[in-house]
Protein backbone atom coordinates (compact mmCIF):
# COMPACT_ATOMS: atom_id res chain seq x y z
CA UNK A 1 69.20 57.84 -13.21
CA UNK A 2 69.22 53.96 -14.87
CA UNK A 3 69.18 51.56 -12.24
CA UNK A 4 69.15 47.53 -12.22
CA UNK A 5 67.99 45.44 -9.31
CA UNK A 6 68.53 41.84 -9.41
CA UNK A 7 69.56 38.95 -7.17
CA UNK A 8 68.11 35.43 -6.71
CA UNK A 9 64.42 35.22 -5.73
CA UNK A 10 63.69 35.67 -2.17
CA UNK A 11 66.46 38.74 -1.76
CA UNK A 12 64.42 41.35 -1.51
CA UNK A 13 64.21 42.81 -4.96
CA UNK A 14 60.49 43.86 -5.36
CA UNK A 15 60.52 44.96 -1.89
CA UNK A 16 63.68 47.74 -2.31
CA UNK A 17 62.54 48.53 -5.71
CA UNK A 18 59.29 50.01 -4.17
CA UNK A 19 60.87 51.82 -1.63
CA UNK A 20 63.54 53.35 -4.18
CA UNK A 21 61.03 54.25 -7.10
CA UNK A 22 59.54 56.15 -4.16
CA UNK A 23 62.39 57.81 -3.58
CA UNK A 24 64.07 58.54 -7.09
CA UNK A 25 62.44 59.80 -9.65
CA UNK A 26 62.24 56.84 -11.54
CA UNK A 27 60.11 54.43 -13.54
CA UNK A 28 59.80 50.88 -12.20
CA UNK A 29 60.03 48.59 -14.44
CA UNK A 30 59.09 44.77 -13.03
CA UNK A 31 60.50 42.09 -15.43
CA UNK A 32 57.93 39.68 -13.86
CA UNK A 33 55.11 41.90 -15.26
CA UNK A 34 56.51 41.70 -18.83
CA UNK A 35 57.53 37.82 -18.85
CA UNK A 36 54.50 35.83 -17.09
CA UNK A 37 55.91 32.47 -19.31
CA UNK A 38 57.41 30.17 -17.19
CA UNK A 39 60.11 29.19 -20.26
CA UNK A 40 61.65 32.49 -20.69
CA UNK A 41 63.14 32.86 -24.17
CA UNK A 42 66.10 35.21 -22.66
CA UNK A 43 66.98 37.58 -25.90
CA UNK A 44 63.20 38.02 -26.46
CA UNK A 45 63.06 39.56 -23.01
CA UNK A 46 65.82 42.00 -23.60
CA UNK A 47 64.52 43.08 -26.83
CA UNK A 48 61.33 43.88 -25.03
CA UNK A 49 62.89 45.58 -22.52
CA UNK A 50 64.88 47.47 -24.67
CA UNK A 51 62.20 48.77 -26.52
CA UNK A 52 60.46 49.61 -23.16
CA UNK A 53 63.14 51.63 -21.82
CA UNK A 54 64.53 53.48 -25.01
CA UNK A 55 62.93 56.65 -24.47
CA UNK A 56 63.17 56.40 -20.47
CA UNK A 57 66.10 58.20 -18.91
CA UNK A 58 65.05 57.46 -15.20
CA UNK A 59 63.84 53.78 -14.72
CA UNK A 60 64.87 51.10 -11.91
CA UNK A 61 64.75 47.12 -14.12
CA UNK A 62 64.07 44.76 -11.11
CA UNK A 63 63.85 41.33 -11.34
CA UNK A 64 66.37 38.06 -10.63
CA UNK A 65 66.64 38.03 -14.77
CA UNK A 66 68.12 41.38 -15.30
CA UNK A 67 71.84 39.39 -14.50
CA UNK A 68 70.92 37.51 -17.46
CA UNK A 69 71.89 39.96 -20.40
CA UNK A 70 72.92 43.82 -20.94
CA UNK A 71 70.65 46.77 -20.87
CA UNK A 72 72.56 50.35 -20.48
CA UNK A 73 72.29 51.52 -17.18
CA UNK A 74 74.51 53.51 -14.45
CA UNK A 75 74.19 50.72 -11.45
CA UNK A 76 73.67 47.43 -11.50
CA UNK A 77 72.50 46.22 -7.65
CA UNK A 78 72.97 42.43 -6.98
CA UNK A 79 71.11 41.79 -3.59
CA UNK A 80 72.53 39.42 -1.70
CA UNK A 81 70.52 37.02 1.00
CA UNK A 82 72.57 34.15 3.58
CA UNK A 83 71.41 31.17 2.63
CA UNK A 84 69.42 30.56 6.08
CA UNK A 85 67.76 33.44 6.07
CA UNK A 86 66.87 32.88 2.05
CA UNK A 87 66.01 29.59 2.72
CA UNK A 88 63.41 30.89 5.55
CA UNK A 89 61.66 33.50 2.74
CA UNK A 90 61.22 30.84 0.04
CA UNK A 91 59.67 28.51 2.17
CA UNK A 92 57.27 31.46 3.03
CA UNK A 93 56.62 31.67 -0.53
CA UNK A 94 55.87 28.19 -0.46
CA UNK A 95 58.59 27.42 -3.00
CA UNK A 96 58.89 23.82 -3.27
CA UNK A 97 61.95 21.51 -2.18
CA UNK A 98 63.41 21.44 -5.89
CA UNK A 99 63.07 24.89 -6.50
CA UNK A 100 64.19 25.86 -3.38
CA UNK A 101 67.21 23.77 -3.76
CA UNK A 102 67.90 25.57 -7.29
CA UNK A 103 68.01 28.92 -5.65
CA UNK A 104 69.95 28.11 -2.89
CA UNK A 105 72.31 26.69 -4.47
CA UNK A 106 72.56 29.59 -7.21
CA UNK A 107 72.72 31.99 -4.24
CA UNK A 108 75.71 29.96 -3.04
CA UNK A 109 77.59 29.71 -6.45
CA UNK A 110 77.01 34.03 -6.59
CA UNK A 111 75.39 33.07 -9.67
CA UNK A 112 73.65 36.42 -10.27
CA UNK A 113 76.84 38.35 -9.04
CA UNK A 114 79.02 36.25 -11.75
CA UNK A 115 76.63 36.93 -14.46
CA UNK A 116 76.38 40.73 -13.92
CA UNK A 117 80.15 40.86 -13.95
CA UNK A 118 80.08 38.80 -17.14
CA UNK A 119 77.06 41.16 -18.61
CA UNK A 120 77.71 44.63 -17.48
CA UNK A 121 81.53 44.58 -16.00
CA UNK A 122 82.99 44.16 -19.78
CA UNK A 123 81.40 47.03 -20.81
CA UNK A 124 82.46 49.55 -18.14
CA UNK A 125 79.54 51.43 -18.28
CA UNK A 126 77.59 50.44 -15.09
CA UNK A 127 78.75 50.60 -11.41
CA UNK A 128 78.22 47.37 -9.77
CA UNK A 129 77.42 47.05 -6.26
CA UNK A 130 76.85 43.85 -4.27
CA UNK A 131 74.71 44.59 -1.17
CA UNK A 132 73.83 42.09 1.84
CA UNK A 133 69.98 41.98 2.34
CA UNK A 134 70.30 39.89 5.51
CA UNK A 135 69.39 41.39 9.06
CA UNK A 136 68.59 44.31 6.99
CA UNK A 137 64.90 45.77 6.56
CA UNK A 138 64.09 46.59 3.02
CA UNK A 139 63.76 50.17 4.03
CA UNK A 140 67.40 50.08 4.98
CA UNK A 141 68.88 48.20 1.85
CA UNK A 142 66.62 50.84 -0.30
CA UNK A 143 68.37 53.50 1.79
CA UNK A 144 71.79 52.30 1.45
CA UNK A 145 70.54 52.47 -3.07
CA UNK A 146 69.37 55.96 -2.47
CA UNK A 147 72.56 57.05 -0.92
CA UNK A 148 74.71 55.43 -3.52
CA UNK A 149 72.75 56.80 -6.42
CA UNK A 150 72.54 60.30 -4.93
CA UNK A 151 76.56 60.16 -3.84
CA UNK A 152 77.30 59.11 -7.29
CA UNK A 153 80.40 61.05 -7.29
CA UNK A 154 81.66 59.35 -3.89
CA UNK A 155 83.03 55.69 -3.37
CA UNK A 156 80.20 53.72 -2.18
CA UNK A 157 80.82 50.40 -1.69
CA UNK A 158 78.82 47.65 -1.48
CA UNK A 159 79.28 44.18 1.13
CA UNK A 160 81.82 41.38 0.53
CA UNK A 161 79.42 38.38 0.28
CA UNK A 162 80.72 34.82 0.33
CA UNK A 163 79.03 32.13 0.64
CA UNK A 164 81.76 29.04 0.23
CA UNK A 165 81.53 28.12 3.55
CA UNK A 166 77.38 27.11 3.27
CA UNK A 167 77.97 25.59 -0.09
CA UNK A 168 80.37 23.15 1.53
CA UNK A 169 78.13 22.41 4.52
CA UNK A 170 75.06 22.23 2.06
CA UNK A 171 77.24 20.02 -0.39
CA UNK A 172 78.18 17.51 2.28
CA UNK A 173 74.66 17.10 3.24
CA UNK A 174 74.08 15.47 -0.14
CA UNK A 175 70.85 17.36 -0.75
C-alpha cells in the first residue's frame, strides 16, 4: 500500500503517520528528514523521493510538501484542522506571528487540498480523502486511515471541511 499523508503544519501528520506505520506494514518516509533546507526546490525534492520509493511497494510518505507534487500512490490523506485548534498547536510550537498567520491562511484557503486535487486528482490513480483532526486524537485519526486502507473496496468517506466563515472573520480582523 502506497500512502501519502499531507496537510498544513500542525494538523497531526507526523503523529498520525507514526501510529499508522505501526499498524500497517509500511516504511515511513518523512519529508523533513529528506530535505532539511529552509528554501526547498520542490522539483529536486520530488526526484529524491521518487528514488527512495522506486523499489518500495508499501510506504507512507508524510509531510506538508507532499501536496506540492505527484508521486505514484494508492491513497492521499489530507489532514485538516479548525483554525482555532491549529493556532493553539502552532503557538505551542512557538511559531512566530508571520509564520503562524501564513499557515492559518493556507488552512482556511484549503491550500493543501487544492494542491492535492491538482497534482493527484487528474491522474485518477489515488483515492483522496480529507480528514478533520480537530477534536480527535492522533490515534482516532490513524484508526480512520487504517480502516480506510484495510477496507479499500468499501467506499470509506472522509470529512467535509469548509473554513470559509473562519477566513471571513480572519480577514475582517485585518491581520
